[in-house]
Amino acid sequence: IVSELGDKTFFIAAIMAMRYNRLTVLAGAMLALG
């Protein structure tokens, strides 16, 4: 949590979620992180 908040991956998910379907962005990001 302290490493990822405000990190590059955090911003990637935040910006992409504003442009595209949130569930699709969340699924892609979580698969990569998992």
All heavy atoms as atom14 arrays in JSON, in Angstrom:
{
  "sequence": "IVSELGDKTFFIAAIMAMRYNRLTVLAGAMLALG",
  "atom14_mask": [
    [1, 1, 1, 1, 1, 1, 1, 1, 0, 0, 0, 0, 0, 0],
    [1, 1, 1, 1, 1, 1, 1, 0, 0, 0, 0, 0, 0, 0],
    [1, 1, 1, 1, 1, 1, 0, 0, 0, 0, 0, 0, 0, 0],
    [1, 1, 1, 1, 1, 1, 1, 1, 1, 0, 0, 0, 0, 0],
    [1, 1, 1, 1, 1, 1, 1, 1, 0, 0, 0, 0, 0, 0],
    [1, 1, 1, 1, 0, 0, 0, 0, 0, 0, 0, 0, 0, 0],
    [1, 1, 1, 1, 1, 1, 1, 1, 0, 0, 0, 0, 0, 0],
    [1, 1, 1, 1, 1, 1, 1, 1, 1, 0, 0, 0, 0, 0],
    [1, 1, 1, 1, 1, 1, 1, 0, 0, 0, 0, 0, 0, 0],
    [1, 1, 1, 1, 1, 1, 1, 1, 1, 1, 1, 0, 0, 0],
    [1, 1, 1, 1, 1, 1, 1, 1, 1, 1, 1, 0, 0, 0],
    [1, 1, 1, 1, 1, 1, 1, 1, 0, 0, 0, 0, 0, 0],
    [1, 1, 1, 1, 1, 0, 0, 0, 0, 0, 0, 0, 0, 0],
    [1, 1, 1, 1, 1, 0, 0, 0, 0, 0, 0, 0, 0, 0],
    [1, 1, 1, 1, 1, 1, 1, 1, 0, 0, 0, 0, 0, 0],
    [1, 1, 1, 1, 1, 1, 1, 1, 0, 0, 0, 0, 0, 0],
    [1, 1, 1, 1, 1, 0, 0, 0, 0, 0, 0, 0, 0, 0],
    [1, 1, 1, 1, 1, 1, 1, 1, 0, 0, 0, 0, 0, 0],
    [1, 1, 1, 1, 1, 1, 1, 1, 1, 1, 1, 0, 0, 0],
    [1, 1, 1, 1, 1, 1, 1, 1, 1, 1, 1, 1, 0, 0],
    [1, 1, 1, 1, 1, 1, 1, 1, 0, 0, 0, 0, 0, 0],
    [1, 1, 1, 1, 1, 1, 1, 1, 1, 1, 1, 0, 0, 0],
    [1, 1, 1, 1, 1, 1, 1, 1, 0, 0, 0, 0, 0, 0],
    [1, 1, 1, 1, 1, 1, 1, 0, 0, 0, 0, 0, 0, 0],
    [1, 1, 1, 1, 1, 1, 1, 0, 0, 0, 0, 0, 0, 0],
    [1, 1, 1, 1, 1, 1, 1, 1, 0, 0, 0, 0, 0, 0],
    [1, 1, 1, 1, 1, 0, 0, 0, 0, 0, 0, 0, 0, 0],
    [1, 1, 1, 1, 0, 0, 0, 0, 0, 0, 0, 0, 0, 0],
    [1, 1, 1, 1, 1, 0, 0, 0, 0, 0, 0, 0, 0, 0],
    [1, 1, 1, 1, 1, 1, 1, 1, 0, 0, 0, 0, 0, 0],
    [1, 1, 1, 1, 1, 1, 1, 1, 0, 0, 0, 0, 0, 0],
    [1, 1, 1, 1, 1, 0, 0, 0, 0, 0, 0, 0, 0, 0],
    [1, 1, 1, 1, 1, 1, 1, 1, 0, 0, 0, 0, 0, 0],
    [1, 1, 1, 1, 0, 0, 0, 0, 0, 0, 0, 0, 0, 0]
  ],
  "atom14_positions": [
    [[0.83, -1.21, 0.0], [0.0, 0.0, 0.0], [0.87, 1.26, 0.0], [0.64, 2.19, -0.78], [-0.97, -0.01, 1.2], [-2.08, -1.05, 0.96], [-1.59, 1.37, 1.41], [-3.02, -1.23, 2.12], [0.0, 0.0, 0.0], [0.0, 0.0, 0.0], [0.0, 0.0, 0.0], [0.0, 0.0, 0.0], [0.0, 0.0, 0.0], [0.0, 0.0, 0.0]],
    [[1.88, 1.3, 0.87], [2.73, 2.5, 0.93], [3.63, 2.61, -0.29], [4.14, 3.7, -0.6], [3.57, 2.53, 2.22], [2.68, 2.61, 3.45], [4.5, 1.33, 2.3], [0.0, 0.0, 0.0], [0.0, 0.0, 0.0], [0.0, 0.0, 0.0], [0.0, 0.0, 0.0], [0.0, 0.0, 0.0], [0.0, 0.0, 0.0], [0.0, 0.0, 0.0]],
    [[3.86, 1.49, -0.99], [4.71, 1.55, -2.2], [3.91, 1.91, -3.44], [4.43, 2.56, -4.35], [5.39, 0.19, -2.42], [6.23, -0.15, -1.36], [0.0, 0.0, 0.0], [0.0, 0.0, 0.0], [0.0, 0.0, 0.0], [0.0, 0.0, 0.0], [0.0, 0.0, 0.0], [0.0, 0.0, 0.0], [0.0, 0.0, 0.0], [0.0, 0.0, 0.0]],
    [[2.64, 1.5, -3.5], [1.85, 1.65, -4.72], [1.03, 2.94, -4.78], [0.74, 3.42, -5.88], [0.92, 0.45, -4.88], [1.62, -0.83, -5.29], [2.29, -0.71, -6.65], [1.62, -0.35, -7.63], [3.51, -0.95, -6.72], [0.0, 0.0, 0.0], [0.0, 0.0, 0.0], [0.0, 0.0, 0.0], [0.0, 0.0, 0.0], [0.0, 0.0, 0.0]],
    [[0.62, 3.48, -3.64], [-0.17, 4.71, -3.67], [0.64, 5.84, -4.28], [1.71, 6.19, -3.79], [-0.63, 5.1, -2.26], [-1.84, 4.36, -1.7], [-2.14, 4.82, -0.28], [-3.07, 4.57, -2.58], [0.0, 0.0, 0.0], [0.0, 0.0, 0.0], [0.0, 0.0, 0.0], [0.0, 0.0, 0.0], [0.0, 0.0, 0.0], [0.0, 0.0, 0.0]],
    [[0.14, 6.41, -5.36], [0.86, 7.48, -6.04], [1.97, 6.98, -6.93], [2.74, 7.79, -7.48], [0.0, 0.0, 0.0], [0.0, 0.0, 0.0], [0.0, 0.0, 0.0], [0.0, 0.0, 0.0], [0.0, 0.0, 0.0], [0.0, 0.0, 0.0], [0.0, 0.0, 0.0], [0.0, 0.0, 0.0], [0.0, 0.0, 0.0], [0.0, 0.0, 0.0]],
    [[2.06, 5.65, -7.12], [3.08, 5.09, -7.99], [2.6, 5.11, -9.44], [1.45, 5.44, -9.73], [3.4, 3.66, -7.55], [4.72, 3.15, -8.11], [5.53, 4.0, -8.5], [4.92, 1.94, -8.16], [0.0, 0.0, 0.0], [0.0, 0.0, 0.0], [0.0, 0.0, 0.0], [0.0, 0.0, 0.0], [0.0, 0.0, 0.0], [0.0, 0.0, 0.0]],
    [[3.48, 4.71, -10.36], [3.16, 4.76, -11.78], [1.98, 3.85, -12.12], [1.1, 4.23, -12.9], [4.38, 4.36, -12.59], [4.28, 4.71, -14.08], [5.6, 4.47, -14.77], [5.51, 4.92, -16.23], [6.8, 4.72, -16.94], [0.0, 0.0, 0.0], [0.0, 0.0, 0.0], [0.0, 0.0, 0.0], [0.0, 0.0, 0.0], [0.0, 0.0, 0.0]],
    [[1.95, 2.64, -11.53], [0.84, 1.73, -11.81], [-0.48, 2.28, -11.29], [-1.54, 2.02, -11.88], [1.11, 0.35, -11.17], [1.42, 0.53, -9.78], [2.28, -0.33, -11.85], [0.0, 0.0, 0.0], [0.0, 0.0, 0.0], [0.0, 0.0, 0.0], [0.0, 0.0, 0.0], [0.0, 0.0, 0.0], [0.0, 0.0, 0.0], [0.0, 0.0, 0.0]],
    [[-0.44, 3.03, -10.2], [-1.64, 3.67, -9.67], [-2.2, 4.69, -10.66], [-3.39, 4.74, -10.94], [-1.32, 4.34, -8.33], [-2.5, 5.01, -7.67], [-3.3, 4.31, -6.8], [-2.78, 6.35, -7.91], [-4.39, 4.92, -6.18], [-3.85, 6.97, -7.31], [-4.66, 6.26, -6.44], [0.0, 0.0, 0.0], [0.0, 0.0, 0.0], [0.0, 0.0, 0.0]],
    [[-1.3, 5.51, -11.22], [-1.73, 6.52, -12.18], [-2.23, 5.89, -13.48], [-3.15, 6.42, -14.11], [-0.57, 7.49, -12.48], [-0.25, 8.42, -11.34], [1.06, 8.64, -10.96], [-1.25, 9.07, -10.66], [1.37, 9.49, -9.92], [-0.95, 9.93, -9.61], [0.36, 10.14, -9.24], [0.0, 0.0, 0.0], [0.0, 0.0, 0.0], [0.0, 0.0, 0.0]],
    [[-1.61, 4.78, -13.89], [-2.06, 4.1, -15.11], [-3.51, 3.67, -14.96], [-4.35, 3.89, -15.84], [-1.15, 2.9, -15.42], [0.22, 3.39, -15.91], [-1.79, 1.98, -16.47], [1.25, 2.29, -16.07], [0.0, 0.0, 0.0], [0.0, 0.0, 0.0], [0.0, 0.0, 0.0], [0.0, 0.0, 0.0], [0.0, 0.0, 0.0], [0.0, 0.0, 0.0]],
    [[-3.83, 3.02, -13.83], [-5.2, 2.56, -13.6], [-6.16, 3.73, -13.48], [-7.29, 3.69, -14.0], [-5.25, 1.71, -12.33], [0.0, 0.0, 0.0], [0.0, 0.0, 0.0], [0.0, 0.0, 0.0], [0.0, 0.0, 0.0], [0.0, 0.0, 0.0], [0.0, 0.0, 0.0], [0.0, 0.0, 0.0], [0.0, 0.0, 0.0], [0.0, 0.0, 0.0]],
    [[-5.74, 4.81, -12.82], [-6.61, 5.97, -12.61], [-6.95, 6.66, -13.93], [-8.12, 6.98, -14.19], [-5.94, 6.96, -11.66], [0.0, 0.0, 0.0], [0.0, 0.0, 0.0], [0.0, 0.0, 0.0], [0.0, 0.0, 0.0], [0.0, 0.0, 0.0], [0.0, 0.0, 0.0], [0.0, 0.0, 0.0], [0.0, 0.0, 0.0], [0.0, 0.0, 0.0]],
    [[-5.96, 6.87, -14.78], [-6.18, 7.6, -16.03], [-6.96, 6.74, -17.03], [-7.88, 7.22, -17.7], [-4.84, 8.07, -16.63], [-4.18, 9.07, -15.67], [-5.04, 8.71, -17.99], [-2.76, 9.43, -16.06], [0.0, 0.0, 0.0], [0.0, 0.0, 0.0], [0.0, 0.0, 0.0], [0.0, 0.0, 0.0], [0.0, 0.0, 0.0], [0.0, 0.0, 0.0]],
    [[-6.59, 5.45, -17.14], [-7.3, 4.59, -18.08], [-8.76, 4.4, -17.68], [-9.63, 4.26, -18.54], [-6.59, 3.23, -18.18], [-5.27, 3.26, -18.9], [-4.69, 1.61, -19.36], [-5.91, 1.16, -20.61], [0.0, 0.0, 0.0], [0.0, 0.0, 0.0], [0.0, 0.0, 0.0], [0.0, 0.0, 0.0], [0.0, 0.0, 0.0], [0.0, 0.0, 0.0]],
    [[-9.04, 4.39, -16.37], [-10.41, 4.21, -15.9], [-11.29, 5.4, -16.26], [-12.52, 5.28, -16.33], [-10.43, 4.0, -14.39], [0.0, 0.0, 0.0], [0.0, 0.0, 0.0], [0.0, 0.0, 0.0], [0.0, 0.0, 0.0], [0.0, 0.0, 0.0], [0.0, 0.0, 0.0], [0.0, 0.0, 0.0], [0.0, 0.0, 0.0], [0.0, 0.0, 0.0]],
    [[-10.68, 6.57, -16.49], [-11.45, 7.75, -16.88], [-11.85, 7.69, -18.35], [-12.83, 8.33, -18.75], [-10.64, 9.02, -16.63], [-10.41, 9.33, -15.16], [-9.56, 10.92, -14.95], [-8.0, 10.6, -15.75], [0.0, 0.0, 0.0], [0.0, 0.0, 0.0], [0.0, 0.0, 0.0], [0.0, 0.0, 0.0], [0.0, 0.0, 0.0], [0.0, 0.0, 0.0]],
    [[-11.12, 6.93, -19.14], [-11.36, 6.9, -20.6], [-12.11, 5.66, -21.05], [-12.84, 5.72, -22.04], [-10.01, 6.95, -21.34], [-9.16, 8.16, -21.0], [-7.93, 8.19, -21.89], [-7.1, 9.36, -21.63], [-6.06, 9.71, -22.38], [-5.74, 8.98, -23.43], [-5.36, 10.78, -22.09], [0.0, 0.0, 0.0], [0.0, 0.0, 0.0], [0.0, 0.0, 0.0]],
    [[-11.92, 4.56, -20.35], [-12.47, 3.29, -20.81], [-13.31, 2.64, -19.73], [-13.46, 3.17, -18.62], [-11.33, 2.35, -21.24], [-10.31, 2.98, -22.15], [-9.0, 3.22, -21.73], [-10.67, 3.37, -23.44], [-8.08, 3.8, -22.56], [-9.73, 3.95, -24.29], [-8.44, 4.17, -23.84], [-7.54, 4.76, -24.67], [0.0, 0.0, 0.0], [0.0, 0.0, 0.0]],
    [[-13.83, 1.46, -20.06], [-14.64, 0.71, -19.1], [-13.82, 0.35, -17.87], [-12.74, -0.23, -17.97], [-15.17, -0.57, -19.78], [-16.09, -1.36, -18.89], [-15.63, -2.16, -18.08], [-17.37, -1.15, -19.03], [0.0, 0.0, 0.0], [0.0, 0.0, 0.0], [0.0, 0.0, 0.0], [0.0, 0.0, 0.0], [0.0, 0.0, 0.0], [0.0, 0.0, 0.0]],
    [[-14.35, 0.69, -16.69], [-13.59, 0.5, -15.45], [-13.3, -0.96, -15.15], [-12.22, -1.3, -14.68], [-14.35, 1.14, -14.28], [-14.4, 2.65, -14.34], [-15.16, 3.21, -13.16], [-15.16, 4.67, -13.18], [-15.74, 5.43, -12.26], [-16.38, 4.85, -11.25], [-15.69, 6.73, -12.34], [0.0, 0.0, 0.0], [0.0, 0.0, 0.0], [0.0, 0.0, 0.0]],
    [[-14.29, -1.81, -15.4], [-14.11, -3.24, -15.11], [-13.02, -3.85, -16.0], [-12.23, -4.69, -15.55], [-15.42, -3.99, -15.29], [-16.5, -3.73, -14.24], [-17.77, -4.49, -14.58], [-16.01, -4.1, -12.85], [0.0, 0.0, 0.0], [0.0, 0.0, 0.0], [0.0, 0.0, 0.0], [0.0, 0.0, 0.0], [0.0, 0.0, 0.0], [0.0, 0.0, 0.0]],
    [[-12.98, -3.41, -17.26], [-11.96, -3.92, -18.19], [-10.56, -3.48, -17.74], [-9.62, -4.27, -17.73], [-12.23, -3.42, -19.61], [-13.55, -3.8, -20.0], [-11.24, -4.01, -20.6], [0.0, 0.0, 0.0], [0.0, 0.0, 0.0], [0.0, 0.0, 0.0], [0.0, 0.0, 0.0], [0.0, 0.0, 0.0], [0.0, 0.0, 0.0], [0.0, 0.0, 0.0]],
    [[-10.44, -2.21, -17.36], [-9.16, -1.69, -16.88], [-8.74, -2.4, -15.6], [-7.58, -2.81, -15.44], [-9.24, -0.17, -16.66], [-7.97, 0.35, -16.01], [-9.5, 0.56, -17.98], [0.0, 0.0, 0.0], [0.0, 0.0, 0.0], [0.0, 0.0, 0.0], [0.0, 0.0, 0.0], [0.0, 0.0, 0.0], [0.0, 0.0, 0.0], [0.0, 0.0, 0.0]],
    [[-9.69, -2.57, -14.67], [-9.39, -3.23, -13.4], [-8.95, -4.68, -13.62], [-7.99, -5.15, -13.0], [-10.61, -3.18, -12.49], [-10.46, -3.82, -11.1], [-9.4, -3.1, -10.29], [-11.79, -3.82, -10.35], [0.0, 0.0, 0.0], [0.0, 0.0, 0.0], [0.0, 0.0, 0.0], [0.0, 0.0, 0.0], [0.0, 0.0, 0.0], [0.0, 0.0, 0.0]],
    [[-9.65, -5.37, -14.53], [-9.3, -6.77, -14.79], [-7.91, -6.9, -15.4], [-7.11, -7.75, -14.98], [-10.34, -7.39, -15.73], [0.0, 0.0, 0.0], [0.0, 0.0, 0.0], [0.0, 0.0, 0.0], [0.0, 0.0, 0.0], [0.0, 0.0, 0.0], [0.0, 0.0, 0.0], [0.0, 0.0, 0.0], [0.0, 0.0, 0.0], [0.0, 0.0, 0.0]],
    [[-7.58, -6.04, -16.37], [-6.26, -6.1, -16.99], [-5.15, -5.75, -16.02], [-4.11, -6.44, -15.97], [0.0, 0.0, 0.0], [0.0, 0.0, 0.0], [0.0, 0.0, 0.0], [0.0, 0.0, 0.0], [0.0, 0.0, 0.0], [0.0, 0.0, 0.0], [0.0, 0.0, 0.0], [0.0, 0.0, 0.0], [0.0, 0.0, 0.0], [0.0, 0.0, 0.0]],
    [[-5.37, -4.7, -15.22], [-4.34, -4.28, -14.26], [-4.15, -5.32, -13.17], [-3.01, -5.64, -12.78], [-4.72, -2.93, -13.64], [0.0, 0.0, 0.0], [0.0, 0.0, 0.0], [0.0, 0.0, 0.0], [0.0, 0.0, 0.0], [0.0, 0.0, 0.0], [0.0, 0.0, 0.0], [0.0, 0.0, 0.0], [0.0, 0.0, 0.0], [0.0, 0.0, 0.0]],
    [[-5.25, -5.9, -12.65], [-5.14, -6.87, -11.57], [-4.52, -8.18, -12.04], [-3.79, -8.83, -11.29], [-6.52, -7.13, -10.96], [-6.96, -6.08, -9.97], [-5.68, -5.66, -8.75], [-5.23, -7.27, -8.11], [0.0, 0.0, 0.0], [0.0, 0.0, 0.0], [0.0, 0.0, 0.0], [0.0, 0.0, 0.0], [0.0, 0.0, 0.0], [0.0, 0.0, 0.0]],
    [[-4.79, -8.57, -13.28], [-4.15, -9.78, -13.81], [-2.64, -9.58, -13.88], [-1.86, -10.48, -13.51], [-4.71, -10.11, -15.19], [-4.13, -11.36, -15.86], [-4.41, -12.6, -15.02], [-4.69, -11.53, -17.26], [0.0, 0.0, 0.0], [0.0, 0.0, 0.0], [0.0, 0.0, 0.0], [0.0, 0.0, 0.0], [0.0, 0.0, 0.0], [0.0, 0.0, 0.0]],
    [[-2.21, -8.4, -14.34], [-0.78, -8.11, -14.42], [-0.14, -8.07, -13.04], [0.94, -8.65, -12.81], [-0.56, -6.78, -15.14], [0.0, 0.0, 0.0], [0.0, 0.0, 0.0], [0.0, 0.0, 0.0], [0.0, 0.0, 0.0], [0.0, 0.0, 0.0], [0.0, 0.0, 0.0], [0.0, 0.0, 0.0], [0.0, 0.0, 0.0], [0.0, 0.0, 0.0]],
    [[-0.8, -7.42, -12.08], [-0.25, -7.3, -10.74], [-0.25, -8.64, -10.0], [0.67, -8.96, -9.26], [-1.04, -6.25, -9.94], [-0.89, -4.81, -10.44], [-1.89, -3.9, -9.74], [0.53, -4.31, -10.21], [0.0, 0.0, 0.0], [0.0, 0.0, 0.0], [0.0, 0.0, 0.0], [0.0, 0.0, 0.0], [0.0, 0.0, 0.0], [0.0, 0.0, 0.0]],
    [[-1.32, -9.43, -10.21], [-1.37, -10.75, -9.59], [-0.28, -11.67, -10.12], [0.37, -12.39, -9.35], [0.0, 0.0, 0.0], [0.0, 0.0, 0.0], [0.0, 0.0, 0.0], [0.0, 0.0, 0.0], [0.0, 0.0, 0.0], [0.0, 0.0, 0.0], [0.0, 0.0, 0.0], [0.0, 0.0, 0.0], [0.0, 0.0, 0.0], [0.0, 0.0, 0.0]]
  ]
}
